[in-house]
Amino acid sequence: MIRGRGYARSLHDIEEIVLVASEDGTPIRIRDVGQVVFGPDIRRGVADLDGTGDAVSGIVIMRQGETR
């Protein structure tokens, strides 16, 4: 999985990334070792309430001495 910002703008750009060069200097690209496809976004930060299912959670931070 690749997630981030950079110069890669398409699946083809990702396929062309060189992983390593062989002993004779031939580049081994991502497309040579796997298939590049779009996939679903990974769920992160899931909260559960007493085993009953998903719940919304949050954190409130207040500086010491603040009144609101």
PDB file of N, CA and C in Angstrom:
ATOM      1  N   MET A   1       0.842  -1.157   0.000  1.00  0.00           N
ATOM      2  CA  MET A   1       0.000   0.000   0.000  1.00  0.00           C
ATOM      3  C   MET A   1       0.898   1.233   0.000  1.00  0.00           C
ATOM      4  N   ILE A   2       0.529   2.185  -0.809  1.00  0.00           N
ATOM      5  CA  ILE A   2       1.243   3.454  -0.868  1.00  0.00           C
ATOM      6  C   ILE A   2       0.240   4.547  -0.554  1.00  0.00           C
ATOM      7  N   ARG A   3       0.612   5.406   0.352  1.00  0.00           N
ATOM      8  CA  ARG A   3      -0.240   6.540   0.696  1.00  0.00           C
ATOM      9  C   ARG A   3       0.663   7.730   0.935  1.00  0.00           C
ATOM     10  N   GLY A   4       0.397   8.819   0.278  1.00  0.00           N
ATOM     11  CA  GLY A   4       1.226   9.991   0.479  1.00  0.00           C
ATOM     12  C   GLY A   4       1.116  10.969  -0.662  1.00  0.00           C
ATOM     13  N   ARG A   5       1.956  11.960  -0.610  1.00  0.00           N
ATOM     14  CA  ARG A   5       1.990  12.986  -1.647  1.00  0.00           C
ATOM     15  C   ARG A   5       3.357  12.967  -2.304  1.00  0.00           C
ATOM     16  N   GLY A   6       3.384  13.188  -3.594  1.00  0.00           N
ATOM     17  CA  GLY A   6       4.663  13.190  -4.281  1.00  0.00           C
ATOM     18  C   GLY A   6       4.485  13.406  -5.761  1.00  0.00           C
ATOM     19  N   TYR A   7       5.444  12.957  -6.532  1.00  0.00           N
ATOM     20  CA  TYR A   7       5.414  13.165  -7.972  1.00  0.00           C
ATOM     21  C   TYR A   7       4.564  12.132  -8.703  1.00  0.00           C
ATOM     22  N   ALA A   8       4.219  11.030  -8.080  1.00  0.00           N
ATOM     23  CA  ALA A   8       3.403  10.001  -8.723  1.00  0.00           C
ATOM     24  C   ALA A   8       1.973  10.522  -8.865  1.00  0.00           C
ATOM     25  N   ARG A   9       1.504  10.595 -10.091  1.00  0.00           N
ATOM     26  CA  ARG A   9       0.163  11.116 -10.364  1.00  0.00           C
ATOM     27  C   ARG A   9      -0.785  10.049 -10.920  1.00  0.00           C
ATOM     28  N   SER A  10      -0.235   8.883 -11.256  1.00  0.00           N
ATOM     29  CA  SER A  10      -1.068   7.841 -11.867  1.00  0.00           C
ATOM     30  C   SER A  10      -0.522   6.472 -11.481  1.00  0.00           C
ATOM     31  N   LEU A  11      -1.297   5.436 -11.801  1.00  0.00           N
ATOM     32  CA  LEU A  11      -0.831   4.071 -11.550  1.00  0.00           C
ATOM     33  C   LEU A  11       0.425   3.784 -12.374  1.00  0.00           C
ATOM     34  N   HIS A  12       0.468   4.319 -13.573  1.00  0.00           N
ATOM     35  CA  HIS A  12       1.649   4.109 -14.428  1.00  0.00           C
ATOM     36  C   HIS A  12       2.905   4.686 -13.770  1.00  0.00           C
ATOM     37  N   ASP A  13       2.781   5.863 -13.162  1.00  0.00           N
ATOM     38  CA  ASP A  13       3.923   6.463 -12.467  1.00  0.00           C
ATOM     39  C   ASP A  13       4.436   5.546 -11.361  1.00  0.00           C
ATOM     40  N   ILE A  14       3.525   4.925 -10.626  1.00  0.00           N
ATOM     41  CA  ILE A  14       3.910   4.015  -9.545  1.00  0.00           C
ATOM     42  C   ILE A  14       4.545   2.755 -10.109  1.00  0.00           C
ATOM     43  N   GLU A  15       3.991   2.238 -11.202  1.00  0.00           N
ATOM     44  CA  GLU A  15       4.568   1.048 -11.843  1.00  0.00           C
ATOM     45  C   GLU A  15       6.018   1.271 -12.266  1.00  0.00           C
ATOM     46  N   GLU A  16       6.373   2.488 -12.617  1.00  0.00           N
ATOM     47  CA  GLU A  16       7.701   2.795 -13.135  1.00  0.00           C
ATOM     48  C   GLU A  16       8.752   3.038 -12.057  1.00  0.00           C
ATOM     49  N   ILE A  17       8.373   3.030 -10.782  1.00  0.00           N
ATOM     50  CA  ILE A  17       9.341   3.252  -9.705  1.00  0.00           C
ATOM     51  C   ILE A  17      10.325   2.090  -9.652  1.00  0.00           C
ATOM     52  N   VAL A  18      11.606   2.409  -9.642  1.00  0.00           N
ATOM     53  CA  VAL A  18      12.663   1.389  -9.614  1.00  0.00           C
ATOM     54  C   VAL A  18      12.920   0.972  -8.172  1.00  0.00           C
ATOM     55  N   LEU A  19      12.860  -0.328  -7.927  1.00  0.00           N
ATOM     56  CA  LEU A  19      13.124  -0.884  -6.599  1.00  0.00           C
ATOM     57  C   LEU A  19      14.610  -1.154  -6.398  1.00  0.00           C
ATOM     58  N   VAL A  20      15.227  -1.755  -7.403  1.00  0.00           N
ATOM     59  CA  VAL A  20      16.636  -2.148  -7.322  1.00  0.00           C
ATOM     60  C   VAL A  20      17.125  -2.418  -8.751  1.00  0.00           C
ATOM     61  N   ALA A  21      18.419  -2.449  -8.923  1.00  0.00           N
ATOM     62  CA  ALA A  21      18.987  -2.821 -10.221  1.00  0.00           C
ATOM     63  C   ALA A  21      19.624  -4.200 -10.095  1.00  0.00           C
ATOM     64  N   SER A  22      19.484  -4.993 -11.146  1.00  0.00           N
ATOM     65  CA  SER A  22      20.103  -6.317 -11.136  1.00  0.00           C
ATOM     66  C   SER A  22      21.616  -6.173 -11.284  1.00  0.00           C
ATOM     67  N   GLU A  23      22.332  -7.283 -11.209  1.00  0.00           N
ATOM     68  CA  GLU A  23      23.802  -7.252 -11.291  1.00  0.00           C
ATOM     69  C   GLU A  23      24.306  -6.644 -12.597  1.00  0.00           C
ATOM     70  N   ASP A  24      23.525  -6.844 -13.674  1.00  0.00           N
ATOM     71  CA  ASP A  24      23.957  -6.285 -14.965  1.00  0.00           C
ATOM     72  C   ASP A  24      23.405  -4.875 -15.197  1.00  0.00           C
ATOM     73  N   GLY A  25      22.748  -4.273 -14.167  1.00  0.00           N
ATOM     74  CA  GLY A  25      22.265  -2.900 -14.270  1.00  0.00           C
ATOM     75  C   GLY A  25      20.841  -2.747 -14.746  1.00  0.00           C
ATOM     76  N   THR A  26      20.154  -3.866 -15.007  1.00  0.00           N
ATOM     77  CA  THR A  26      18.762  -3.791 -15.438  1.00  0.00           C
ATOM     78  C   THR A  26      17.876  -3.362 -14.266  1.00  0.00           C
ATOM     79  N   PRO A  27      17.063  -2.312 -14.442  1.00  0.00           N
ATOM     80  CA  PRO A  27      16.209  -1.869 -13.338  1.00  0.00           C
ATOM     81  C   PRO A  27      15.051  -2.837 -13.094  1.00  0.00           C
ATOM     82  N   ILE A  28      14.787  -3.131 -11.836  1.00  0.00           N
ATOM     83  CA  ILE A  28      13.630  -3.940 -11.448  1.00  0.00           C
ATOM     84  C   ILE A  28      12.594  -2.959 -10.914  1.00  0.00           C
ATOM     85  N   ARG A  29      11.483  -2.848 -11.626  1.00  0.00           N
ATOM     86  CA  ARG A  29      10.440  -1.887 -11.271  1.00  0.00           C
ATOM     87  C   ARG A  29       9.313  -2.561 -10.500  1.00  0.00           C
ATOM     88  N   ILE A  30       8.480  -1.738  -9.888  1.00  0.00           N
ATOM     89  CA  ILE A  30       7.335  -2.266  -9.145  1.00  0.00           C
ATOM     90  C   ILE A  30       6.468  -3.133 -10.039  1.00  0.00           C
ATOM     91  N   ARG A  31       6.270  -2.737 -11.290  1.00  0.00           N
ATOM     92  CA  ARG A  31       5.425  -3.523 -12.203  1.00  0.00           C
ATOM     93  C   ARG A  31       5.995  -4.920 -12.464  1.00  0.00           C
ATOM     94  N   ASP A  32       7.314  -5.086 -12.251  1.00  0.00           N
ATOM     95  CA  ASP A  32       7.957  -6.374 -12.483  1.00  0.00           C
ATOM     96  C   ASP A  32       7.702  -7.365 -11.345  1.00  0.00           C
ATOM     97  N   VAL A  33       7.339  -6.871 -10.179  1.00  0.00           N
ATOM     98  CA  VAL A  33       7.166  -7.762  -9.024  1.00  0.00           C
ATOM     99  C   VAL A  33       5.728  -7.851  -8.533  1.00  0.00           C
ATOM    100  N   GLY A  34       4.839  -7.033  -9.095  1.00  0.00           N
ATOM    101  CA  GLY A  34       3.454  -7.087  -8.637  1.00  0.00           C
ATOM    102  C   GLY A  34       2.537  -6.303  -9.540  1.00  0.00           C
ATOM    103  N   GLN A  35       1.254  -6.376  -9.222  1.00  0.00           N
ATOM    104  CA  GLN A  35       0.231  -5.669  -9.979  1.00  0.00           C
ATOM    105  C   GLN A  35      -0.148  -4.406  -9.219  1.00  0.00           C
ATOM    106  N   VAL A  36      -0.207  -3.290  -9.912  1.00  0.00           N
ATOM    107  CA  VAL A  36      -0.543  -2.008  -9.293  1.00  0.00           C
ATOM    108  C   VAL A  36      -1.998  -1.688  -9.620  1.00  0.00           C
ATOM    109  N   VAL A  37      -2.827  -1.547  -8.590  1.00  0.00           N
ATOM    110  CA  VAL A  37      -4.251  -1.241  -8.771  1.00  0.00           C
ATOM    111  C   VAL A  37      -4.707  -0.265  -7.692  1.00  0.00           C
ATOM    112  N   PHE A  38      -5.808   0.425  -7.971  1.00  0.00           N
ATOM    113  CA  PHE A  38      -6.445   1.235  -6.947  1.00  0.00           C
ATOM    114  C   PHE A  38      -7.203   0.307  -6.015  1.00  0.00           C
ATOM    115  N   GLY A  39      -7.182   0.595  -4.729  1.00  0.00           N
ATOM    116  CA  GLY A  39      -7.909  -0.212  -3.757  1.00  0.00           C
ATOM    117  C   GLY A  39      -8.700   0.682  -2.824  1.00  0.00           C
ATOM    118  N   PRO A  40      -9.443   0.087  -1.922  1.00  0.00           N
ATOM    119  CA  PRO A  40     -10.238   0.878  -0.993  1.00  0.00           C
ATOM    120  C   PRO A  40      -9.350   1.566   0.038  1.00  0.00           C
ATOM    121  N   ASP A  41      -9.855   2.642   0.601  1.00  0.00           N
ATOM    122  CA  ASP A  41      -9.139   3.333   1.668  1.00  0.00           C
ATOM    123  C   ASP A  41      -9.216   2.476   2.928  1.00  0.00           C
ATOM    124  N   ILE A  42      -8.135   2.409   3.674  1.00  0.00           N
ATOM    125  CA  ILE A  42      -8.073   1.620   4.890  1.00  0.00           C
ATOM    126  C   ILE A  42      -8.748   2.377   6.032  1.00  0.00           C
ATOM    127  N   ARG A  43      -9.604   1.689   6.785  1.00  0.00           N
ATOM    128  CA  ARG A  43     -10.222   2.309   7.952  1.00  0.00           C
ATOM    129  C   ARG A  43      -9.199   2.456   9.049  1.00  0.00           C
ATOM    130  N   ARG A  44      -9.180   3.624   9.659  1.00  0.00           N
ATOM    131  CA  ARG A  44      -8.270   3.866  10.765  1.00  0.00           C
ATOM    132  C   ARG A  44      -9.042   4.553  11.879  1.00  0.00           C
ATOM    133  N   GLY A  45      -8.597   4.372  13.106  1.00  0.00           N
ATOM    134  CA  GLY A  45      -9.198   5.073  14.224  1.00  0.00           C
ATOM    135  C   GLY A  45     -10.589   4.601  14.581  1.00  0.00           C
ATOM    136  N   VAL A  46     -10.886   3.327  14.435  1.00  0.00           N
ATOM    137  CA  VAL A  46     -12.206   2.804  14.748  1.00  0.00           C
ATOM    138  C   VAL A  46     -12.370   2.711  16.261  1.00  0.00           C
ATOM    139  N   ALA A  47     -13.509   3.161  16.750  1.00  0.00           N
ATOM    140  CA  ALA A  47     -13.822   3.077  18.180  1.00  0.00           C
ATOM    141  C   ALA A  47     -15.028   2.167  18.372  1.00  0.00           C
ATOM    142  N   ASP A  48     -15.035   1.420  19.460  1.00  0.00           N
ATOM    143  CA  ASP A  48     -16.116   0.489  19.775  1.00  0.00           C
ATOM    144  C   ASP A  48     -16.645   0.824  21.170  1.00  0.00           C
ATOM    145  N   LEU A  49     -17.966   0.751  21.361  1.00  0.00           N
ATOM    146  CA  LEU A  49     -18.569   1.056  22.655  1.00  0.00           C
ATOM    147  C   LEU A  49     -19.123  -0.224  23.269  1.00  0.00           C
ATOM    148  N   ASP A  50     -18.444  -0.749  24.265  1.00  0.00           N
ATOM    149  CA  ASP A  50     -18.884  -1.933  25.016  1.00  0.00           C
ATOM    150  C   ASP A  50     -19.225  -3.120  24.123  1.00  0.00           C
ATOM    151  N   GLY A  51     -18.527  -3.265  23.035  1.00  0.00           N
ATOM    152  CA  GLY A  51     -18.753  -4.404  22.147  1.00  0.00           C
ATOM    153  C   GLY A  51     -20.034  -4.320  21.351  1.00  0.00           C
ATOM    154  N   THR A  52     -20.696  -3.173  21.331  1.00  0.00           N
ATOM    155  CA  THR A  52     -21.976  -3.053  20.624  1.00  0.00           C
ATOM    156  C   THR A  52     -21.836  -2.494  19.212  1.00  0.00           C
ATOM    157  N   GLY A  53     -20.647  -2.130  18.830  1.00  0.00           N
ATOM    158  CA  GLY A  53     -20.443  -1.627  17.475  1.00  0.00           C
ATOM    159  C   GLY A  53     -19.692  -0.314  17.456  1.00  0.00           C
ATOM    160  N   ASP A  54     -19.614   0.253  16.257  1.00  0.00           N
ATOM    161  CA  ASP A  54     -18.865   1.482  16.066  1.00  0.00           C
ATOM    162  C   ASP A  54     -19.464   2.637  16.852  1.00  0.00           C
ATOM    163  N   ALA A  55     -18.595   3.510  17.335  1.00  0.00           N
ATOM    164  CA  ALA A  55     -19.022   4.693  18.070  1.00  0.00           C
ATOM    165  C   ALA A  55     -18.111   5.852  17.688  1.00  0.00           C
ATOM    166  N   VAL A  56     -18.595   7.043  17.896  1.00  0.00           N
ATOM    167  CA  VAL A  56     -17.802   8.240  17.638  1.00  0.00           C
ATOM    168  C   VAL A  56     -17.067   8.597  18.912  1.00  0.00           C
ATOM    169  N   SER A  57     -15.806   8.951  18.797  1.00  0.00           N
ATOM    170  CA  SER A  57     -15.052   9.353  19.975  1.00  0.00           C
ATOM    171  C   SER A  57     -14.274  10.618  19.650  1.00  0.00           C
ATOM    172  N   GLY A  58     -13.837  11.304  20.693  1.00  0.00           N
ATOM    173  CA  GLY A  58     -13.067  12.516  20.481  1.00  0.00           C
ATOM    174  C   GLY A  58     -12.286  12.849  21.732  1.00  0.00           C
ATOM    175  N   ILE A  59     -11.366  13.781  21.603  1.00  0.00           N
ATOM    176  CA  ILE A  59     -10.553  14.236  22.724  1.00  0.00           C
ATOM    177  C   ILE A  59     -10.645  15.751  22.773  1.00  0.00           C
ATOM    178  N   VAL A  60     -10.904  16.267  23.944  1.00  0.00           N
ATOM    179  CA  VAL A  60     -10.938  17.716  24.142  1.00  0.00           C
ATOM    180  C   VAL A  60      -9.711  18.096  24.946  1.00  0.00           C
ATOM    181  N   ILE A  61      -8.966  19.070  24.449  1.00  0.00           N
ATOM    182  CA  ILE A  61      -7.762  19.520  25.143  1.00  0.00           C
ATOM    183  C   ILE A  61      -7.952  20.988  25.501  1.00  0.00           C
ATOM    184  N   MET A  62      -7.677  21.315  26.756  1.00  0.00           N
ATOM    185  CA  MET A  62      -7.795  22.692  27.204  1.00  0.00           C
ATOM    186  C   MET A  62      -6.532  23.066  27.952  1.00  0.00           C
ATOM    187  N   ARG A  63      -5.994  24.223  27.687  1.00  0.00           N
ATOM    188  CA  ARG A  63      -4.792  24.658  28.383  1.00  0.00           C
ATOM    189  C   ARG A  63      -5.118  25.029  29.819  1.00  0.00           C
ATOM    190  N   GLN A  64      -4.152  24.769  30.668  1.00  0.00           N
ATOM    191  CA  GLN A  64      -4.323  25.098  32.094  1.00  0.00           C
ATOM    192  C   GLN A  64      -4.564  26.592  32.247  1.00  0.00           C
ATOM    193  N   GLY A  65      -5.600  26.960  33.030  1.00  0.00           N
ATOM    194  CA  GLY A  65      -5.933  28.346  33.252  1.00  0.00           C
ATOM    195  C   GLY A  65      -6.938  28.923  32.253  1.00  0.00           C
ATOM    196  N   GLU A  66      -7.235  28.200  31.185  1.00  0.00           N
ATOM    197  CA  GLU A  66      -8.216  28.659  30.199  1.00  0.00           C
ATOM    198  C   GLU A  66      -9.619  28.466  30.766  1.00  0.00           C
ATOM    199  N   THR A  67     -10.549  29.318  30.404  1.00  0.00           N
ATOM    200  CA  THR A  67     -11.913  29.181  30.908  1.00  0.00           C
ATOM    201  C   THR A  67     -12.876  28.704  29.832  1.00  0.00           C
ATOM    202  N   ARG A  68     -12.497  28.717  28.583  1.00  0.00           N
ATOM    203  CA  ARG A  68     -13.369  28.191  27.558  1.00  0.00           C
ATOM    204  C   ARG A  68     -12.612  27.509  26.475  1.00  0.00           C
TER     205      ARG A  68
END
